Amino acid sequence: MKVQRVFKRFVVGSAALAFSVLLIGVMLEPPAAGVDLRAAVSANLAVSGVAHPVTAVLLNFRGYDTLLEIAVLLLALIVILASGLEALSSRPRAVDPVLQTLAQLAAPSMIVVAVYLLWAGAFRPGGAFQAGAVLAAAGVLLHLTGLLPGWQAPTLKLRLGLTAGLLIFLAIAAAVLSQGALMQYPPRQAGMLILLIEAGFTVSLGLILAGLFLFISRDPGDPT
């Protein structure tokens, strides 16, 4: 048995090392793009509703992919909830008052950073995914310092928050069908609609990413 465990570790370690070397090699020498769309994006940036090309691609020119990305994340959380995973540990954690104080000071700043990233995404690097990740990190930080209990089950309000981004995106996509395409925003309203979508994304992504941790790390004694 011991030999088998050593052999399995060797095989897994070797495969991980080979994959890492291959990934590094690909990153150092990326293949040339088959189609260069930078000129097309720049030419149509004025009608996208935003001033940053990445946001224009993610929320306008390539909106289908972004819609599916949040759907996949939400599906991953649903699978975790449906699997009925047990709590990782029911043992009480020692809480450091200094860490709690630092977390209480850091959390509001992280919320401000998330709002800034959401607002800045229209004209510089940022956007809903980055803002949602910062919000999720704030929730995990508060949980690790004992200020936020693990989530036992999604309440109605939490379910609405988890699905808000996807539902808003679908509602806007259906509302603009009169333009002739599923996600073809009217140029004059494109900026406002993208901001609304990103705001919903920020809330949902923050809750989904935090939930992937808080639903698993809950303790049986935590409130629902």
Protein backbone atom coordinates (compact mmCIF):
# COMPACT_ATOMS: atom_id res chain seq x y z
CA MET A 1 0.00 0.00 0.00
CA LYS A 2 2.81 2.38 0.86
CA VAL A 3 4.50 1.72 -2.50
CA GLN A 4 1.23 2.37 -4.31
CA ARG A 5 0.76 5.71 -2.53
CA VAL A 6 4.31 6.76 -3.39
CA PHE A 7 3.78 5.73 -7.00
CA LYS A 8 0.49 7.66 -7.24
CA ARG A 9 2.12 10.75 -5.78
CA PHE A 10 4.98 10.42 -8.24
CA VAL A 11 2.59 10.11 -11.20
CA VAL A 12 0.43 13.03 -10.09
CA GLY A 13 3.45 15.18 -9.31
CA SER A 14 5.09 14.40 -12.64
CA ALA A 15 1.88 15.19 -14.54
CA ALA A 16 1.47 18.47 -12.66
CA LEU A 17 5.10 19.41 -13.34
CA ALA A 18 4.79 18.58 -17.05
CA PHE A 19 1.59 20.60 -17.33
CA SER A 20 3.20 23.55 -15.54
CA VAL A 21 6.21 23.50 -17.87
CA LEU A 22 3.91 23.30 -20.90
CA LEU A 23 1.76 26.16 -19.62
CA ILE A 24 4.80 28.35 -18.95
CA GLY A 25 6.14 27.60 -22.44
CA VAL A 26 2.84 28.59 -24.05
CA MET A 27 2.72 31.82 -22.05
CA LEU A 28 6.29 32.75 -22.98
CA GLU A 29 5.72 32.09 -26.69
CA PRO A 30 2.00 32.57 -27.39
CA PRO A 31 0.90 31.58 -30.89
CA ALA A 32 -0.03 34.34 -33.29
CA ALA A 33 -3.71 35.18 -33.36
CA GLY A 34 -5.53 33.79 -36.37
CA VAL A 35 -7.68 36.92 -36.64
CA ASP A 36 -6.69 40.36 -35.37
CA LEU A 37 -9.86 42.10 -34.22
CA ARG A 38 -8.24 45.12 -32.59
CA ALA A 39 -8.94 47.36 -35.57
CA ALA A 40 -12.59 46.27 -35.72
CA VAL A 41 -13.07 46.87 -31.98
CA SER A 42 -11.49 50.33 -32.21
CA ALA A 43 -13.63 51.22 -35.22
CA ASN A 44 -16.86 50.34 -33.40
CA LEU A 45 -15.91 51.54 -29.92
CA ALA A 46 -17.93 54.74 -30.29
CA VAL A 47 -21.22 52.82 -30.56
CA SER A 48 -20.42 50.32 -27.80
CA GLY A 49 -21.50 52.63 -24.97
CA VAL A 50 -18.12 52.50 -23.18
CA ALA A 51 -14.66 53.89 -23.76
CA HIS A 52 -12.58 50.85 -22.80
CA PRO A 53 -12.15 48.13 -25.45
CA VAL A 54 -12.12 45.22 -22.99
CA THR A 55 -15.45 46.25 -21.47
CA ALA A 56 -16.86 46.82 -24.96
CA VAL A 57 -15.89 43.28 -25.98
CA LEU A 58 -17.11 41.60 -22.79
CA LEU A 59 -20.45 43.38 -22.42
CA ASN A 60 -21.32 44.33 -25.99
CA PHE A 61 -19.47 42.67 -28.86
CA ARG A 62 -19.08 39.33 -27.05
CA GLY A 63 -21.96 39.48 -24.59
CA TYR A 64 -23.00 35.87 -25.10
CA ASP A 65 -19.76 34.58 -23.59
CA THR A 66 -20.06 36.83 -20.54
CA LEU A 67 -23.67 35.74 -20.02
CA LEU A 68 -22.60 32.09 -20.05
CA GLU A 69 -19.67 32.77 -17.71
CA ILE A 70 -21.88 33.98 -14.88
CA ALA A 71 -24.34 31.17 -15.63
CA VAL A 72 -21.51 28.63 -15.18
CA LEU A 73 -20.45 30.17 -11.86
CA LEU A 74 -24.04 30.15 -10.62
CA LEU A 75 -24.40 26.52 -11.73
CA ALA A 76 -21.24 25.59 -9.79
CA LEU A 77 -22.75 27.06 -6.62
CA ILE A 78 -26.06 25.28 -7.23
CA VAL A 79 -24.19 21.98 -7.60
CA ILE A 80 -22.45 22.57 -4.26
CA LEU A 81 -25.78 23.26 -2.58
CA ALA A 82 -27.46 20.29 -4.24
CA SER A 83 -24.66 17.92 -3.23
CA GLY A 84 -25.39 18.55 0.44
CA LEU A 85 -21.75 18.86 1.48
CA GLU A 86 -21.12 18.66 5.19
CA ALA A 87 -19.40 21.43 7.06
CA LEU A 88 -15.63 21.24 7.01
CA SER A 89 -15.31 21.52 10.75
CA SER A 90 -17.57 22.09 13.73
CA ARG A 91 -14.75 23.03 16.10
CA PRO A 92 -14.86 26.60 17.41
CA ARG A 93 -12.14 28.85 15.99
CA ALA A 94 -10.02 31.07 18.17
CA VAL A 95 -10.67 34.72 17.30
CA ASP A 96 -7.97 37.37 17.56
CA PRO A 97 -9.47 40.77 18.51
CA VAL A 98 -6.69 42.56 16.63
CA LEU A 99 -7.49 40.67 13.43
CA GLN A 100 -11.19 41.41 13.92
CA THR A 101 -10.47 45.12 14.26
CA LEU A 102 -8.28 45.11 11.15
CA ALA A 103 -10.98 43.23 9.21
CA GLN A 104 -13.61 45.74 10.33
CA LEU A 105 -11.40 48.54 9.05
CA ALA A 106 -10.52 46.78 5.79
CA ALA A 107 -14.02 45.66 4.75
CA PRO A 108 -15.46 49.17 4.13
CA SER A 109 -12.37 50.08 2.12
CA MET A 110 -12.77 46.94 0.03
CA ILE A 111 -16.38 47.87 -0.70
CA VAL A 112 -15.24 51.33 -1.84
CA VAL A 113 -12.59 49.71 -4.08
CA ALA A 114 -15.24 47.42 -5.55
CA VAL A 115 -17.51 50.37 -6.36
CA TYR A 116 -14.58 52.19 -7.96
CA LEU A 117 -13.66 49.17 -10.08
CA LEU A 118 -17.27 48.90 -11.24
CA TRP A 119 -17.37 52.59 -12.20
CA ALA A 120 -13.90 52.61 -13.77
CA GLY A 121 -14.61 49.62 -16.00
CA ALA A 122 -16.27 51.86 -18.61
CA PHE A 123 -13.06 53.71 -19.49
CA ARG A 124 -10.10 51.90 -17.89
CA PRO A 125 -9.18 48.41 -16.57
CA GLY A 126 -11.78 47.24 -14.08
CA GLY A 127 -15.38 46.11 -14.24
CA ALA A 128 -17.85 43.76 -12.63
CA PHE A 129 -15.66 40.66 -12.38
CA GLN A 130 -12.90 42.50 -10.54
CA ALA A 131 -15.40 44.35 -8.35
CA GLY A 132 -17.24 41.13 -7.51
CA ALA A 133 -13.99 39.39 -6.59
CA VAL A 134 -13.11 42.20 -4.16
CA LEU A 135 -16.57 42.01 -2.56
CA ALA A 136 -16.21 38.24 -2.19
CA ALA A 137 -12.78 38.67 -0.62
CA ALA A 138 -14.28 41.07 1.91
CA GLY A 139 -16.90 38.47 2.85
CA VAL A 140 -14.30 35.71 3.21
CA LEU A 141 -12.11 38.00 5.32
CA LEU A 142 -14.98 38.75 7.68
CA HIS A 143 -15.77 35.05 7.94
CA LEU A 144 -12.20 34.03 8.69
CA THR A 145 -12.05 36.58 11.51
CA GLY A 146 -15.31 35.35 13.04
CA LEU A 147 -17.39 38.39 12.09
CA LEU A 148 -19.54 36.68 9.44
CA PRO A 149 -21.01 33.21 10.01
CA GLY A 150 -21.02 30.59 7.31
CA TRP A 151 -24.13 30.34 5.17
CA GLN A 152 -26.38 27.40 6.02
CA ALA A 153 -28.94 27.77 3.24
CA PRO A 154 -29.80 30.48 0.71
CA THR A 155 -32.64 32.69 1.91
CA LEU A 156 -34.99 34.43 -0.52
CA LYS A 157 -32.97 37.67 -0.41
CA LEU A 158 -29.73 35.77 -0.97
CA ARG A 159 -31.24 33.87 -3.90
CA LEU A 160 -32.34 37.14 -5.48
CA GLY A 161 -28.83 38.53 -5.05
CA LEU A 162 -27.21 35.41 -6.48
CA THR A 163 -29.36 35.47 -9.59
CA ALA A 164 -29.71 39.25 -10.03
CA GLY A 165 -26.87 39.60 -12.52
CA LEU A 166 -28.06 36.77 -14.76
CA LEU A 167 -31.70 37.88 -14.61
CA ILE A 168 -30.90 41.53 -15.38
CA PHE A 169 -28.73 40.48 -18.32
CA LEU A 170 -31.47 38.22 -19.71
CA ALA A 171 -34.14 40.90 -19.21
CA ILE A 172 -32.11 43.53 -21.06
CA ALA A 173 -31.22 41.06 -23.81
CA ALA A 174 -34.91 40.30 -24.33
CA ALA A 175 -35.89 43.97 -24.16
CA VAL A 176 -33.60 44.96 -27.04
CA LEU A 177 -34.89 42.28 -29.38
CA SER A 178 -36.69 45.04 -31.25
CA GLN A 179 -33.27 46.19 -32.47
CA GLY A 180 -33.04 43.02 -34.56
CA ALA A 181 -30.59 41.01 -32.43
CA LEU A 182 -30.62 39.48 -28.97
CA MET A 183 -27.94 41.75 -27.46
CA GLN A 184 -27.76 44.64 -29.88
CA TYR A 185 -28.01 47.68 -27.60
CA PRO A 186 -29.31 51.00 -28.93
CA PRO A 187 -26.17 53.20 -29.23
CA ARG A 188 -27.65 56.02 -27.12
CA GLN A 189 -28.66 53.70 -24.26
CA ALA A 190 -25.74 51.26 -24.53
CA GLY A 191 -23.67 52.89 -21.78
CA MET A 192 -26.56 52.97 -19.29
CA LEU A 193 -27.58 49.39 -20.06
CA ILE A 194 -24.02 48.10 -19.70
CA LEU A 195 -23.65 49.90 -16.36
CA LEU A 196 -26.91 48.32 -15.15
CA ILE A 197 -25.72 44.87 -16.24
CA GLU A 198 -22.35 45.35 -14.56
CA ALA A 199 -23.97 46.54 -11.32
CA GLY A 200 -26.07 43.37 -11.21
CA PHE A 201 -23.02 41.31 -12.10
CA THR A 202 -21.01 42.86 -9.27
CA VAL A 203 -23.58 41.90 -6.65
CA SER A 204 -24.14 38.41 -8.01
CA LEU A 205 -20.47 37.61 -8.58
CA GLY A 206 -19.57 38.84 -5.10
CA LEU A 207 -22.23 36.61 -3.53
CA ILE A 208 -21.48 33.61 -5.76
CA LEU A 209 -17.73 33.69 -5.17
CA ALA A 210 -18.20 34.25 -1.44
CA GLY A 211 -20.84 31.50 -1.36
CA LEU A 212 -18.42 28.98 -2.89
CA PHE A 213 -16.45 29.39 0.34
CA LEU A 214 -19.08 30.26 2.95
CA PHE A 215 -21.48 27.41 2.16
CA ILE A 216 -18.70 24.84 2.54
CA SER A 217 -16.97 26.35 5.56
CA ARG A 218 -20.16 26.77 7.57
CA ASP A 219 -20.44 25.26 11.05
CA PRO A 220 -23.57 23.37 12.15
CA GLY A 221 -24.08 25.95 14.88
CA ASP A 222 -24.08 28.93 12.53
CA PRO A 223 -27.42 30.71 12.11
CA THR A 224 -29.32 30.09 8.88
